[in-house]
């Protein structure tokens, strides 16, 4: 069963900042490709929440490289996935 994904304000803001950077420094196509990769990954993540590596075992934070330069940090709590930040 797929888990529901929740975005924190920090995750939303960091995602928007990356999109803004890509639009400013590259172009719309690059930003669209990144967005597609993120949402494709989120579909996989909802089915396989343990896919990321453990980054902080105390806080149960996992991380996954979306692309070489961007890591998504998230936490699995009960029956949901909480996106913490894109870094």
C-alpha atoms as a PDB file:
ATOM      1  CA  UNK A   1       0.000   0.000   0.000  1.00  0.00           C
ATOM      2  CA  UNK A   2       1.338   3.406  -0.976  1.00  0.00           C
ATOM      3  CA  UNK A   3       2.011   5.861   1.819  1.00  0.00           C
ATOM      4  CA  UNK A   4       0.767   9.430   1.633  1.00  0.00           C
ATOM      5  CA  UNK A   5       3.428  12.103   1.159  1.00  0.00           C
ATOM      6  CA  UNK A   6       3.365  15.366   3.096  1.00  0.00           C
ATOM      7  CA  UNK A   7       5.501  18.406   2.271  1.00  0.00           C
ATOM      8  CA  UNK A   8       6.830  20.583   5.089  1.00  0.00           C
ATOM      9  CA  UNK A   9       7.067  24.328   4.501  1.00  0.00           C
ATOM     10  CA  UNK A  10      10.854  23.956   4.422  1.00  0.00           C
ATOM     11  CA  UNK A  11      10.633  21.255   1.725  1.00  0.00           C
ATOM     12  CA  UNK A  12       8.271  23.398  -0.357  1.00  0.00           C
ATOM     13  CA  UNK A  13      10.538  26.432  -0.047  1.00  0.00           C
ATOM     14  CA  UNK A  14      13.754  24.561  -0.843  1.00  0.00           C
ATOM     15  CA  UNK A  15      12.084  22.910  -3.870  1.00  0.00           C
ATOM     16  CA  UNK A  16      10.881  26.311  -5.121  1.00  0.00           C
ATOM     17  CA  UNK A  17      14.384  27.753  -4.637  1.00  0.00           C
ATOM     18  CA  UNK A  18      15.905  24.996  -6.770  1.00  0.00           C
ATOM     19  CA  UNK A  19      13.316  25.547  -9.506  1.00  0.00           C
ATOM     20  CA  UNK A  20      13.972  29.305  -9.428  1.00  0.00           C
ATOM     21  CA  UNK A  21      17.723  28.671  -9.698  1.00  0.00           C
ATOM     22  CA  UNK A  22      17.274  26.292 -12.632  1.00  0.00           C
ATOM     23  CA  UNK A  23      15.046  28.787 -14.450  1.00  0.00           C
ATOM     24  CA  UNK A  24      17.491  31.635 -13.848  1.00  0.00           C
ATOM     25  CA  UNK A  25      20.743  29.794 -14.608  1.00  0.00           C
ATOM     26  CA  UNK A  26      19.579  27.228 -17.165  1.00  0.00           C
ATOM     27  CA  UNK A  27      16.148  27.142 -18.802  1.00  0.00           C
ATOM     28  CA  UNK A  28      12.564  25.987 -18.480  1.00  0.00           C
ATOM     29  CA  UNK A  29      13.282  22.541 -19.952  1.00  0.00           C
ATOM     30  CA  UNK A  30      15.904  21.796 -17.282  1.00  0.00           C
ATOM     31  CA  UNK A  31      13.472  22.912 -14.551  1.00  0.00           C
ATOM     32  CA  UNK A  32      10.736  20.705 -16.049  1.00  0.00           C
ATOM     33  CA  UNK A  33      13.081  17.707 -16.202  1.00  0.00           C
ATOM     34  CA  UNK A  34      14.060  18.203 -12.558  1.00  0.00           C
ATOM     35  CA  UNK A  35      10.415  18.510 -11.507  1.00  0.00           C
ATOM     36  CA  UNK A  36       9.564  15.318 -13.383  1.00  0.00           C
ATOM     37  CA  UNK A  37      12.436  13.463 -11.701  1.00  0.00           C
ATOM     38  CA  UNK A  38      11.248  14.618  -8.279  1.00  0.00           C
ATOM     39  CA  UNK A  39       7.645  13.548  -8.813  1.00  0.00           C
ATOM     40  CA  UNK A  40       8.672  10.253 -10.429  1.00  0.00           C
ATOM     41  CA  UNK A  41      10.825   9.590  -7.369  1.00  0.00           C
ATOM     42  CA  UNK A  42       7.975  10.524  -5.016  1.00  0.00           C
ATOM     43  CA  UNK A  43       5.767   7.924  -6.718  1.00  0.00           C
ATOM     44  CA  UNK A  44       8.444   5.293  -6.099  1.00  0.00           C
ATOM     45  CA  UNK A  45       9.046   6.550  -2.555  1.00  0.00           C
ATOM     46  CA  UNK A  46       5.377   6.206  -1.634  1.00  0.00           C
ATOM     47  CA  UNK A  47       5.606   2.486  -2.513  1.00  0.00           C
ATOM     48  CA  UNK A  48       9.109   1.875  -1.111  1.00  0.00           C
ATOM     49  CA  UNK A  49       9.669   4.317   1.783  1.00  0.00           C
ATOM     50  CA  UNK A  50      12.861   2.596   2.965  1.00  0.00           C
ATOM     51  CA  UNK A  51      14.651   3.324  -0.350  1.00  0.00           C
ATOM     52  CA  UNK A  52      16.724   6.190   1.050  1.00  0.00           C
ATOM     53  CA  UNK A  53      19.828   5.831   3.175  1.00  0.00           C
ATOM     54  CA  UNK A  54      19.651   6.578   6.889  1.00  0.00           C
ATOM     55  CA  UNK A  55      21.217  10.005   7.429  1.00  0.00           C
ATOM     56  CA  UNK A  56      20.307  10.485  11.098  1.00  0.00           C
ATOM     57  CA  UNK A  57      19.174   7.383  12.971  1.00  0.00           C
ATOM     58  CA  UNK A  58      18.159   9.295  16.124  1.00  0.00           C
ATOM     59  CA  UNK A  59      15.704  11.478  14.222  1.00  0.00           C
ATOM     60  CA  UNK A  60      14.870   8.724  11.710  1.00  0.00           C
ATOM     61  CA  UNK A  61      15.847  10.943   8.781  1.00  0.00           C
ATOM     62  CA  UNK A  62      16.556   9.346   5.419  1.00  0.00           C
ATOM     63  CA  UNK A  63      18.116  10.881   2.330  1.00  0.00           C
ATOM     64  CA  UNK A  64      18.060  10.155  -1.375  1.00  0.00           C
ATOM     65  CA  UNK A  65      20.001  11.791  -4.224  1.00  0.00           C
ATOM     66  CA  UNK A  66      17.408  12.986  -6.733  1.00  0.00           C
ATOM     67  CA  UNK A  67      20.209  14.174  -9.003  1.00  0.00           C
ATOM     68  CA  UNK A  68      23.940  14.439  -8.366  1.00  0.00           C
ATOM     69  CA  UNK A  69      23.623  17.894  -6.788  1.00  0.00           C
ATOM     70  CA  UNK A  70      20.304  17.520  -4.883  1.00  0.00           C
ATOM     71  CA  UNK A  71      19.447  15.313  -1.911  1.00  0.00           C
ATOM     72  CA  UNK A  72      15.908  14.961  -0.578  1.00  0.00           C
ATOM     73  CA  UNK A  73      15.680  14.433   3.177  1.00  0.00           C
ATOM     74  CA  UNK A  74      12.556  12.784   4.531  1.00  0.00           C
ATOM     75  CA  UNK A  75      11.134  10.903   7.488  1.00  0.00           C
ATOM     76  CA  UNK A  76       8.737   7.957   7.597  1.00  0.00           C
ATOM     77  CA  UNK A  77       6.228   8.267  10.445  1.00  0.00           C
ATOM     78  CA  UNK A  78       3.478   5.713  10.964  1.00  0.00           C
ATOM     79  CA  UNK A  79       1.696   5.528   7.595  1.00  0.00           C
ATOM     80  CA  UNK A  80       3.046   8.705   6.013  1.00  0.00           C
ATOM     81  CA  UNK A  81       6.190  10.154   4.482  1.00  0.00           C
ATOM     82  CA  UNK A  82       7.195  13.655   5.516  1.00  0.00           C
ATOM     83  CA  UNK A  83       9.445  15.547   3.098  1.00  0.00           C
ATOM     84  CA  UNK A  84      11.823  17.677   5.135  1.00  0.00           C
ATOM     85  CA  UNK A  85      14.129  19.505   2.735  1.00  0.00           C
ATOM     86  CA  UNK A  86      15.813  19.477  -0.646  1.00  0.00           C
ATOM     87  CA  UNK A  87      19.510  20.229  -0.228  1.00  0.00           C
END
